[in-house]
Amino acid sequence: MHISDVPYHDRLLDHLQRSVAFALEEDIEDGDITAQLVPVNQTVQAQIVAKESGVLCGQAWVNEVFAQLDASVSLSWKLTDGDHFDAGTVLLEMSGNARTILTAERSALNFLQMLSGTATLSNHYAHAVDGKNIDLLDTRKTIPGMRLAQKYAVKVGGCGNHRLGLYDMFLIKENHIAAAGGIEAAVAACEAIAPNASIEVEVENLEEFHAANALERVDYIMLDELSAEDTQIALDTVSANHQIEISGGVDLTRLQDVTPFSLRVRISSGLLTKAIQPIDLSLRIVG
């Protein structure tokens, strides 16, 4: 997979370049004093090696780290984003200026480890819902400043993206409903703001579900921690032009125990981007 494969690729590329620049600035500031222990013109060969299994994600960020520091460093990837790897796998071989490689090491690994961790967790979740008629989606519960990067990693792992931010669809939650004067009033107000934007309404009980279900303009109805019995009632009575989304308390164990749904259902989980464990990788000079 490549960043060009997601519909927000232009914004992602801009985000990538800016986040790498910021990472390098905060790490290097006015110079890497330890790298100066190495002769200025010394060249080396190095590898990034996996110390555990996972799903690769973050090639473009590593490439950008070296592009911004010294584009003459040669990078040879052995896998691509979305590929699975085992412990001991060589992911990347590189050669070039020793100082550059030493200075780039931590920033490159930070991006690669975090994004591969996100993709790996997403892949576990994707396998848990395989064949169950579920579209498993992330949320906005992302690492600050890494929203688009993590959402790309979720896609690499096999799950899907919910809204990217507050700007690309309406998600009417309990506080919006209370402040706007009810579900019907809130949905009606959407037309004057962004008439072509999708509308999702979060409901906390069957009364709210029936109110949202009666509105043709609503696209998605999110069931927030409804009981199993109430969830089934909603699934049995939802209008054909609405899609159900289940949210709240959705973890890997719960998904593994879910039986297949009779109709296509969306499930969103913030754990896809906030419960990640960075993959253990190592950069070693080998020659």
C-alpha atoms as a PDB file:
ATOM      1  CA  MET A   1       0.000   0.000   0.000  1.00  0.00           C
ATOM      2  CA  HIS A   2       1.076   3.579  -0.607  1.00  0.00           C
ATOM      3  CA  ILE A   3      -0.124   6.962   0.625  1.00  0.00           C
ATOM      4  CA  SER A   4      -1.455   7.651  -2.875  1.00  0.00           C
ATOM      5  CA  ASP A   5      -4.041   4.906  -2.266  1.00  0.00           C
ATOM      6  CA  VAL A   6      -6.065   6.930   0.275  1.00  0.00           C
ATOM      7  CA  PRO A   7      -8.464   9.713  -0.813  1.00  0.00           C
ATOM      8  CA  TYR A   8      -6.796  12.255   1.491  1.00  0.00           C
ATOM      9  CA  HIS A   9      -3.327  11.624   0.036  1.00  0.00           C
ATOM     10  CA  ASP A  10      -2.553  15.266  -0.771  1.00  0.00           C
ATOM     11  CA  ARG A  11      -3.220  16.369   2.795  1.00  0.00           C
ATOM     12  CA  LEU A  12      -1.379  13.323   4.104  1.00  0.00           C
ATOM     13  CA  LEU A  13       1.724  14.155   2.081  1.00  0.00           C
ATOM     14  CA  ASP A  14       1.718  17.728   3.372  1.00  0.00           C
ATOM     15  CA  HIS A  15       1.175  16.455   6.918  1.00  0.00           C
ATOM     16  CA  LEU A  16       4.015  13.959   6.481  1.00  0.00           C
ATOM     17  CA  GLN A  17       6.509  16.579   5.369  1.00  0.00           C
ATOM     18  CA  ARG A  18       5.598  18.974   8.169  1.00  0.00           C
ATOM     19  CA  SER A  19       5.601  16.317  10.893  1.00  0.00           C
ATOM     20  CA  VAL A  20       9.019  15.044   9.807  1.00  0.00           C
ATOM     21  CA  ALA A  21      10.402  18.581   9.743  1.00  0.00           C
ATOM     22  CA  PHE A  22       9.083  19.188  13.253  1.00  0.00           C
ATOM     23  CA  ALA A  23      10.438  15.867  14.541  1.00  0.00           C
ATOM     24  CA  LEU A  24      13.900  16.639  13.187  1.00  0.00           C
ATOM     25  CA  GLU A  25      13.830  20.176  14.538  1.00  0.00           C
ATOM     26  CA  GLU A  26      12.927  19.108  18.068  1.00  0.00           C
ATOM     27  CA  ASP A  27      15.552  16.336  18.024  1.00  0.00           C
ATOM     28  CA  ILE A  28      18.492  18.122  16.398  1.00  0.00           C
ATOM     29  CA  GLU A  29      18.004  21.859  16.997  1.00  0.00           C
ATOM     30  CA  ASP A  30      21.479  23.348  16.348  1.00  0.00           C
ATOM     31  CA  GLY A  31      23.305  20.055  15.806  1.00  0.00           C
ATOM     32  CA  ASP A  32      23.865  16.408  16.746  1.00  0.00           C
ATOM     33  CA  ILE A  33      26.940  16.711  18.926  1.00  0.00           C
ATOM     34  CA  THR A  34      27.414  12.951  19.387  1.00  0.00           C
ATOM     35  CA  ALA A  35      27.416  12.281  15.641  1.00  0.00           C
ATOM     36  CA  GLN A  36      30.401  14.602  15.403  1.00  0.00           C
ATOM     37  CA  LEU A  37      32.487  11.856  17.020  1.00  0.00           C
ATOM     38  CA  VAL A  38      32.445  10.193  13.591  1.00  0.00           C
ATOM     39  CA  PRO A  39      34.636  11.545  10.759  1.00  0.00           C
ATOM     40  CA  VAL A  40      32.609  13.910   8.590  1.00  0.00           C
ATOM     41  CA  ASN A  41      33.072  11.936   5.344  1.00  0.00           C
ATOM     42  CA  GLN A  42      32.795   8.411   6.736  1.00  0.00           C
ATOM     43  CA  THR A  43      30.251   6.179   4.987  1.00  0.00           C
ATOM     44  CA  VAL A  44      28.565   3.075   6.369  1.00  0.00           C
ATOM     45  CA  GLN A  45      26.003   0.405   5.554  1.00  0.00           C
ATOM     46  CA  ALA A  46      23.115  -0.130   7.976  1.00  0.00           C
ATOM     47  CA  GLN A  47      19.899  -2.091   8.347  1.00  0.00           C
ATOM     48  CA  ILE A  48      16.587  -1.725  10.130  1.00  0.00           C
ATOM     49  CA  VAL A  49      15.709  -5.129  11.555  1.00  0.00           C
ATOM     50  CA  ALA A  50      12.486  -6.309  13.203  1.00  0.00           C
ATOM     51  CA  LYS A  51      12.785  -7.669  16.738  1.00  0.00           C
ATOM     52  CA  GLU A  52       9.176  -8.909  16.719  1.00  0.00           C
ATOM     53  CA  SER A  53       6.506  -9.705  14.150  1.00  0.00           C
ATOM     54  CA  GLY A  54       4.151  -7.078  12.755  1.00  0.00           C
ATOM     55  CA  VAL A  55       2.706  -5.261   9.750  1.00  0.00           C
ATOM     56  CA  LEU A  56       4.944  -2.688   8.100  1.00  0.00           C
ATOM     57  CA  CYS A  57       3.796   0.916   7.861  1.00  0.00           C
ATOM     58  CA  GLY A  58       5.695   4.181   7.591  1.00  0.00           C
ATOM     59  CA  GLN A  59       8.042   3.843   4.653  1.00  0.00           C
ATOM     60  CA  ALA A  60       7.269   7.317   3.348  1.00  0.00           C
ATOM     61  CA  TRP A  61       8.050   8.887   6.727  1.00  0.00           C
ATOM     62  CA  VAL A  62      11.444   7.186   6.906  1.00  0.00           C
ATOM     63  CA  ASN A  63      12.168   8.222   3.323  1.00  0.00           C
ATOM     64  CA  GLU A  64      11.249  11.807   4.181  1.00  0.00           C
ATOM     65  CA  VAL A  65      13.522  11.855   7.237  1.00  0.00           C
ATOM     66  CA  PHE A  66      16.506  11.026   5.065  1.00  0.00           C
ATOM     67  CA  ALA A  67      15.342  13.279   2.223  1.00  0.00           C
ATOM     68  CA  GLN A  68      15.260  16.262   4.571  1.00  0.00           C
ATOM     69  CA  LEU A  69      18.657  15.450   6.122  1.00  0.00           C
ATOM     70  CA  ASP A  70      20.686  14.124   3.198  1.00  0.00           C
ATOM     71  CA  ALA A  71      19.072  12.815   0.024  1.00  0.00           C
ATOM     72  CA  SER A  72      22.323  11.101  -0.986  1.00  0.00           C
ATOM     73  CA  VAL A  73      21.743   8.283   1.531  1.00  0.00           C
ATOM     74  CA  SER A  74      20.673   5.202  -0.440  1.00  0.00           C
ATOM     75  CA  LEU A  75      17.609   3.341   0.879  1.00  0.00           C
ATOM     76  CA  SER A  76      16.592  -0.139  -0.263  1.00  0.00           C
ATOM     77  CA  TRP A  77      13.309  -1.399   1.193  1.00  0.00           C
ATOM     78  CA  LYS A  78      12.804  -5.166   1.357  1.00  0.00           C
ATOM     79  CA  LEU A  79       9.065  -4.921   2.109  1.00  0.00           C
ATOM     80  CA  THR A  80       6.292  -2.429   1.451  1.00  0.00           C
ATOM     81  CA  ASP A  81       3.558  -0.928   3.634  1.00  0.00           C
ATOM     82  CA  GLY A  82       1.025  -3.632   4.475  1.00  0.00           C
ATOM     83  CA  ASP A  83       3.474  -6.542   4.332  1.00  0.00           C
ATOM     84  CA  HIS A  84       3.731  -8.862   7.321  1.00  0.00           C
ATOM     85  CA  PHE A  85       7.141  -9.601   8.822  1.00  0.00           C
ATOM     86  CA  ASP A  86       8.640 -11.844  11.496  1.00  0.00           C
ATOM     87  CA  ALA A  87      11.286 -11.177  14.107  1.00  0.00           C
ATOM     88  CA  GLY A  88      14.697 -11.037  12.454  1.00  0.00           C
ATOM     89  CA  THR A  89      13.401  -9.713   9.130  1.00  0.00           C
ATOM     90  CA  VAL A  90      15.521  -7.024   7.488  1.00  0.00           C
ATOM     91  CA  LEU A  91      13.080  -4.276   6.563  1.00  0.00           C
ATOM     92  CA  LEU A  92      15.451  -1.712   5.099  1.00  0.00           C
ATOM     93  CA  GLU A  93      19.069  -1.580   3.958  1.00  0.00           C
ATOM     94  CA  MET A  94      20.825   1.771   3.640  1.00  0.00           C
ATOM     95  CA  SER A  95      24.219   3.189   2.819  1.00  0.00           C
ATOM     96  CA  GLY A  96      25.626   6.659   3.023  1.00  0.00           C
ATOM     97  CA  ASN A  97      27.117   9.248   5.314  1.00  0.00           C
ATOM     98  CA  ALA A  98      27.544   7.854   8.815  1.00  0.00           C
ATOM     99  CA  ARG A  99      26.678  11.104  10.570  1.00  0.00           C
ATOM    100  CA  THR A 100      23.425  11.414   8.638  1.00  0.00           C
ATOM    101  CA  ILE A 101      22.362   7.850   9.432  1.00  0.00           C
ATOM    102  CA  LEU A 102      23.168   8.272  13.123  1.00  0.00           C
ATOM    103  CA  THR A 103      21.277  11.564  13.311  1.00  0.00           C
ATOM    104  CA  ALA A 104      18.253  10.197  11.441  1.00  0.00           C
ATOM    105  CA  GLU A 105      18.038   6.967  13.431  1.00  0.00           C
ATOM    106  CA  ARG A 106      15.672   7.937  16.243  1.00  0.00           C
ATOM    107  CA  SER A 107      13.260  10.056  14.205  1.00  0.00           C
ATOM    108  CA  ALA A 108      13.030   7.420  11.473  1.00  0.00           C
ATOM    109  CA  LEU A 109      12.449   4.627  13.973  1.00  0.00           C
ATOM    110  CA  ASN A 110       9.882   6.630  15.951  1.00  0.00           C
ATOM    111  CA  PHE A 111       7.681   7.035  12.893  1.00  0.00           C
ATOM    112  CA  LEU A 112       8.192   3.465  11.668  1.00  0.00           C
ATOM    113  CA  GLN A 113       7.629   1.841  15.053  1.00  0.00           C
ATOM    114  CA  MET A 114       4.492   3.833  15.894  1.00  0.00           C
ATOM    115  CA  LEU A 115       2.851   3.494  12.490  1.00  0.00           C
ATOM    116  CA  SER A 116       3.727  -0.205  12.210  1.00  0.00           C
ATOM    117  CA  GLY A 117       2.261  -0.677  15.688  1.00  0.00           C
ATOM    118  CA  THR A 118      -0.959   1.005  14.556  1.00  0.00           C
ATOM    119  CA  ALA A 119      -1.138  -1.084  11.384  1.00  0.00           C
ATOM    120  CA  THR A 120      -0.419  -4.289  13.303  1.00  0.00           C
ATOM    121  CA  LEU A 121      -3.205  -3.658  15.823  1.00  0.00           C
ATOM    122  CA  SER A 122      -5.583  -2.718  13.001  1.00  0.00           C
ATOM    123  CA  ASN A 123      -4.743  -6.006  11.310  1.00  0.00           C
ATOM    124  CA  HIS A 124      -5.599  -7.977  14.460  1.00  0.00           C
ATOM    125  CA  TYR A 125      -8.962  -6.203  14.613  1.00  0.00           C
ATOM    126  CA  ALA A 126      -9.615  -6.735  10.904  1.00  0.00           C
ATOM    127  CA  HIS A 127      -9.090 -10.470  11.287  1.00  0.00           C
ATOM    128  CA  ALA A 128     -11.438 -10.539  14.303  1.00  0.00           C
ATOM    129  CA  VAL A 129     -14.374  -9.263  12.192  1.00  0.00           C
ATOM    130  CA  ASP A 130     -13.591 -11.120   8.983  1.00  0.00           C
ATOM    131  CA  GLY A 131     -16.774 -12.612   7.541  1.00  0.00           C
ATOM    132  CA  LYS A 132     -19.043 -10.969  10.141  1.00  0.00           C
ATOM    133  CA  ASN A 133     -20.621  -8.275   7.909  1.00  0.00           C
ATOM    134  CA  ILE A 134     -18.828  -5.505   9.826  1.00  0.00           C
ATOM    135  CA  ASP A 135     -17.037  -2.354   8.666  1.00  0.00           C
ATOM    136  CA  LEU A 136     -14.581  -1.671  11.494  1.00  0.00           C
ATOM    137  CA  LEU A 137     -13.638   2.010  11.751  1.00  0.00           C
ATOM    138  CA  ASP A 138     -11.242   4.177  13.729  1.00  0.00           C
ATOM    139  CA  THR A 139     -12.165   7.414  15.552  1.00  0.00           C
ATOM    140  CA  ARG A 140     -10.643  10.841  16.229  1.00  0.00           C
ATOM    141  CA  LYS A 141      -8.874   9.445  19.316  1.00  0.00           C
ATOM    142  CA  THR A 142      -5.465   9.726  17.696  1.00  0.00           C
ATOM    143  CA  ILE A 143      -2.036  10.882  18.853  1.00  0.00           C
ATOM    144  CA  PRO A 144      -2.110  14.710  18.633  1.00  0.00           C
ATOM    145  CA  GLY A 145      -0.456  15.861  15.434  1.00  0.00           C
ATOM    146  CA  MET A 146      -0.502  12.362  13.916  1.00  0.00           C
ATOM    147  CA  ARG A 147      -4.178  12.126  12.880  1.00  0.00           C
ATOM    148  CA  LEU A 148      -3.765  11.458   9.160  1.00  0.00           C
ATOM    149  CA  ALA A 149      -0.676   9.310   9.655  1.00  0.00           C
ATOM    150  CA  GLN A 150      -2.478   7.006  12.064  1.00  0.00           C
ATOM    151  CA  LYS A 151      -5.584   6.876   9.911  1.00  0.00           C
ATOM    152  CA  TYR A 152      -3.401   5.812   6.985  1.00  0.00           C
ATOM    153  CA  ALA A 153      -1.857   3.117   9.206  1.00  0.00           C
ATOM    154  CA  VAL A 154      -5.326   1.870  10.153  1.00  0.00           C
ATOM    155  CA  LYS A 155      -6.094   1.464   6.445  1.00  0.00           C
ATOM    156  CA  VAL A 156      -2.793  -0.334   5.897  1.00  0.00           C
ATOM    157  CA  GLY A 157      -3.758  -2.801   8.622  1.00  0.00           C
ATOM    158  CA  GLY A 158      -7.101  -3.577   7.012  1.00  0.00           C
ATOM    159  CA  CYS A 159      -9.659  -1.494   8.925  1.00  0.00           C
ATOM    160  CA  GLY A 160     -11.405   1.674   7.747  1.00  0.00           C
ATOM    161  CA  ASN A 161     -11.530   5.357   8.564  1.00  0.00           C
ATOM    162  CA  HIS A 162     -14.367   7.206  10.211  1.00  0.00           C
ATOM    163  CA  ARG A 163     -14.429  10.984   9.714  1.00  0.00           C
ATOM    164  CA  LEU A 164     -11.011  12.609   9.475  1.00  0.00           C
ATOM    165  CA  GLY A 165     -11.951  15.564  11.649  1.00  0.00           C
ATOM    166  CA  LEU A 166     -14.716  17.932  12.634  1.00  0.00           C
ATOM    167  CA  TYR A 167     -14.998  19.284   9.096  1.00  0.00           C
ATOM    168  CA  ASP A 168     -15.974  16.391   6.840  1.00  0.00           C
ATOM    169  CA  MET A 169     -19.282  15.132   8.290  1.00  0.00           C
ATOM    170  CA  PHE A 170     -21.813  15.865  11.012  1.00  0.00           C
ATOM    171  CA  LEU A 171     -21.676  13.667  14.108  1.00  0.00           C
ATOM    172  CA  ILE A 172     -24.480  14.841  16.377  1.00  0.00           C
ATOM    173  CA  LYS A 173     -23.789  13.702  19.937  1.00  0.00           C
ATOM    174  CA  GLU A 174     -25.676  14.119  23.205  1.00  0.00           C
ATOM    175  CA  ASN A 175     -24.372  17.621  23.920  1.00  0.00           C
ATOM    176  CA  HIS A 176     -25.212  18.820  20.412  1.00  0.00           C
ATOM    177  CA  ILE A 177     -28.724  17.393  20.796  1.00  0.00           C
ATOM    178  CA  ALA A 178     -29.205  19.112  24.137  1.00  0.00           C
ATOM    179  CA  ALA A 179     -27.881  22.471  22.928  1.00  0.00           C
ATOM    180  CA  ALA A 180     -29.758  22.414  19.600  1.00  0.00           C
ATOM    181  CA  GLY A 181     -33.135  21.540  21.110  1.00  0.00           C
ATOM    182  CA  GLY A 182     -33.461  17.899  20.136  1.00  0.00           C
ATOM    183  CA  ILE A 183     -32.524  15.470  17.386  1.00  0.00           C
ATOM    184  CA  GLU A 184     -34.974  16.770  14.793  1.00  0.00           C
ATOM    185  CA  ALA A 185     -33.898  20.382  15.312  1.00  0.00           C
ATOM    186  CA  ALA A 186     -30.215  19.475  15.152  1.00  0.00           C
ATOM    187  CA  VAL A 187     -30.610  17.505  11.910  1.00  0.00           C
ATOM    188  CA  ALA A 188     -32.680  20.284  10.327  1.00  0.00           C
ATOM    189  CA  ALA A 189     -29.972  22.826  11.142  1.00  0.00           C
ATOM    190  CA  CYS A 190     -27.389  20.757   9.263  1.00  0.00           C
ATOM    191  CA  GLU A 191     -28.978  21.645   5.917  1.00  0.00           C
ATOM    192  CA  ALA A 192     -28.167  25.334   6.267  1.00  0.00           C
ATOM    193  CA  ILE A 193     -24.549  24.648   7.238  1.00  0.00           C
ATOM    194  CA  ALA A 194     -23.391  21.904   4.856  1.00  0.00           C
ATOM    195  CA  PRO A 195     -26.263  20.437   2.824  1.00  0.00           C
ATOM    196  CA  ASN A 196     -24.119  17.782   1.126  1.00  0.00           C
ATOM    197  CA  ALA A 197     -22.337  16.504   4.224  1.00  0.00           C
ATOM    198  CA  SER A 198     -23.205  13.115   5.712  1.00  0.00           C
ATOM    199  CA  ILE A 199     -25.116  13.162   8.995  1.00  0.00           C
ATOM    200  CA  GLU A 200     -24.662  10.725  11.847  1.00  0.00           C
ATOM    201  CA  VAL A 201     -26.688  10.846  15.049  1.00  0.00           C
ATOM    202  CA  GLU A 202     -25.495   9.240  18.269  1.00  0.00           C
ATOM    203  CA  VAL A 203     -28.315   7.749  20.364  1.00  0.00           C
ATOM    204  CA  GLU A 204     -28.229   6.450  23.928  1.00  0.00           C
ATOM    205  CA  ASN A 205     -31.616   4.724  24.097  1.00  0.00           C
ATOM    206  CA  LEU A 206     -34.387   3.384  21.881  1.00  0.00           C
ATOM    207  CA  GLU A 207     -36.447   6.575  22.152  1.00  0.00           C
ATOM    208  CA  GLU A 208     -33.597   8.544  20.587  1.00  0.00           C
ATOM    209  CA  PHE A 209     -33.049   5.782  18.037  1.00  0.00           C
ATOM    210  CA  HIS A 210     -36.664   5.939  16.835  1.00  0.00           C
ATOM    211  CA  ALA A 211     -36.437   9.746  16.597  1.00  0.00           C
ATOM    212  CA  ALA A 212     -33.329   9.548  14.421  1.00  0.00           C
ATOM    213  CA  ASN A 213     -34.676   6.630  12.403  1.00  0.00           C
ATOM    214  CA  ALA A 214     -37.703   8.717  11.397  1.00  0.00           C
ATOM    215  CA  LEU A 215     -35.531  11.359   9.696  1.00  0.00           C
ATOM    216  CA  GLU A 216     -34.691  10.631   6.043  1.00  0.00           C
ATOM    217  CA  ARG A 217     -31.784  13.084   5.999  1.00  0.00           C
ATOM    218  CA  VAL A 218     -29.841  11.003   8.552  1.00  0.00           C
ATOM    219  CA  ASP A 219     -27.254   8.662   7.029  1.00  0.00           C
ATOM    220  CA  TYR A 220     -25.907   6.810  10.066  1.00  0.00           C
ATOM    221  CA  ILE A 221     -27.268   6.092  13.552  1.00  0.00           C
ATOM    222  CA  MET A 222     -24.659   5.378  16.206  1.00  0.00           C
ATOM    223  CA  LEU A 223     -25.781   3.153  19.069  1.00  0.00           C
ATOM    224  CA  ASP A 224     -23.750   4.282  22.062  1.00  0.00           C
ATOM    225  CA  GLU A 225     -23.486   1.427  24.572  1.00  0.00           C
ATOM    226  CA  LEU A 226     -27.023   0.149  24.050  1.00  0.00           C
ATOM    227  CA  SER A 227     -27.833  -3.227  25.578  1.00  0.00           C
ATOM    228  CA  ALA A 228     -27.722  -6.324  23.396  1.00  0.00           C
ATOM    229  CA  GLU A 229     -31.530  -6.462  23.437  1.00  0.00           C
ATOM    230  CA  ASP A 230     -31.972  -2.816  22.409  1.00  0.00           C
ATOM    231  CA  THR A 231     -29.265  -3.161  19.764  1.00  0.00           C
ATOM    232  CA  GLN A 232     -31.145  -6.071  18.218  1.00  0.00           C
ATOM    233  CA  ILE A 233     -34.390  -4.057  18.196  1.00  0.00           C
ATOM    234  CA  ALA A 234     -32.563  -1.251  16.385  1.00  0.00           C
ATOM    235  CA  LEU A 235     -31.125  -3.679  13.851  1.00  0.00           C
ATOM    236  CA  ASP A 236     -34.559  -5.183  13.233  1.00  0.00           C
ATOM    237  CA  THR A 237     -36.319  -1.843  12.747  1.00  0.00           C
ATOM    238  CA  VAL A 238     -33.729   0.462  11.142  1.00  0.00           C
ATOM    239  CA  SER A 239     -34.863   2.197   7.965  1.00  0.00           C
ATOM    240  CA  ALA A 240     -33.337   0.996   4.707  1.00  0.00           C
ATOM    241  CA  ASN A 241     -31.691   4.378   4.062  1.00  0.00           C
ATOM    242  CA  HIS A 242     -29.854   4.383   7.401  1.00  0.00           C
ATOM    243  CA  GLN A 243     -26.844   2.378   8.508  1.00  0.00           C
ATOM    244  CA  ILE A 244     -26.274   1.312  12.090  1.00  0.00           C
ATOM    245  CA  GLU A 245     -22.985   2.015  13.839  1.00  0.00           C
ATOM    246  CA  ILE A 246     -22.139   0.406  17.172  1.00  0.00           C
ATOM    247  CA  SER A 247     -19.777   2.200  19.518  1.00  0.00           C
ATOM    248  CA  GLY A 248     -18.628   2.100  23.119  1.00  0.00           C
ATOM    249  CA  GLY A 249     -16.603  -0.579  24.888  1.00  0.00           C
ATOM    250  CA  VAL A 250     -15.548  -2.285  21.667  1.00  0.00           C
ATOM    251  CA  ASP A 251     -12.313  -4.198  22.187  1.00  0.00           C
ATOM    252  CA  LEU A 252     -10.627  -7.132  20.470  1.00  0.00           C
ATOM    253  CA  THR A 253     -12.084  -9.759  22.801  1.00  0.00           C
ATOM    254  CA  ARG A 254     -15.621  -8.498  22.297  1.00  0.00           C
ATOM    255  CA  LEU A 255     -15.195  -8.454  18.524  1.00  0.00           C
ATOM    256  CA  GLN A 256     -13.877 -12.010  18.492  1.00  0.00           C
ATOM    257  CA  ASP A 257     -17.053 -13.125  20.293  1.00  0.00           C
ATOM    258  CA  VAL A 258     -19.462 -11.239  18.006  1.00  0.00           C
ATOM    259  CA  THR A 259     -21.624 -13.417  15.786  1.00  0.00           C
ATOM    260  CA  PRO A 260     -22.113 -12.332  12.158  1.00  0.00           C
ATOM    261  CA  PHE A 261     -24.745  -9.647  11.549  1.00  0.00           C
ATOM    262  CA  SER A 262     -27.599 -10.149   9.092  1.00  0.00           C
ATOM    263  CA  LEU A 263     -27.044  -6.659   7.617  1.00  0.00           C
ATOM    264  CA  ARG A 264     -23.942  -4.543   7.110  1.00  0.00           C
ATOM    265  CA  VAL A 265     -23.002  -2.776  10.353  1.00  0.00           C
ATOM    266  CA  ARG A 266     -20.361  -0.199  11.196  1.00  0.00           C
ATOM    267  CA  ILE A 267     -18.402  -0.579  14.431  1.00  0.00           C
ATOM    268  CA  SER A 268     -16.057   2.178  15.612  1.00  0.00           C
ATOM    269  CA  SER A 269     -13.309   1.786  18.190  1.00  0.00           C
ATOM    270  CA  GLY A 270     -10.903   4.371  19.554  1.00  0.00           C
ATOM    271  CA  LEU A 271      -8.599   1.550  20.621  1.00  0.00           C
ATOM    272  CA  LEU A 272      -7.379   1.196  17.028  1.00  0.00           C
ATOM    273  CA  THR A 273      -5.269   4.325  17.465  1.00  0.00           C
ATOM    274  CA  LYS A 274      -4.901   4.817  21.217  1.00  0.00           C
ATOM    275  CA  ALA A 275      -4.145   1.287  22.467  1.00  0.00           C
ATOM    276  CA  ILE A 276      -1.186   0.722  20.186  1.00  0.00           C
ATOM    277  CA  GLN A 277       2.168  -0.803  21.121  1.00  0.00           C
ATOM    278  CA  PRO A 278       5.041   0.428  18.920  1.00  0.00           C
ATOM    279  CA  ILE A 279       6.761  -2.431  17.116  1.00  0.00           C
ATOM    280  CA  ASP A 280      10.261  -3.167  18.377  1.00  0.00           C
ATOM    281  CA  LEU A 281      12.724  -2.353  15.589  1.00  0.00           C
ATOM    282  CA  SER A 282      16.446  -1.750  15.585  1.00  0.00           C
ATOM    283  CA  LEU A 283      18.856   0.123  13.310  1.00  0.00           C
ATOM    284  CA  ARG A 284      22.323  -1.418  13.216  1.00  0.00           C
ATOM    285  CA  ILE A 285      25.474  -0.453  11.305  1.00  0.00           C
ATOM    286  CA  VAL A 286      26.673  -3.578   9.513  1.00  0.00           C
ATOM    287  CA  GLY A 287      29.607  -2.327   7.508  1.00  0.00           C
END
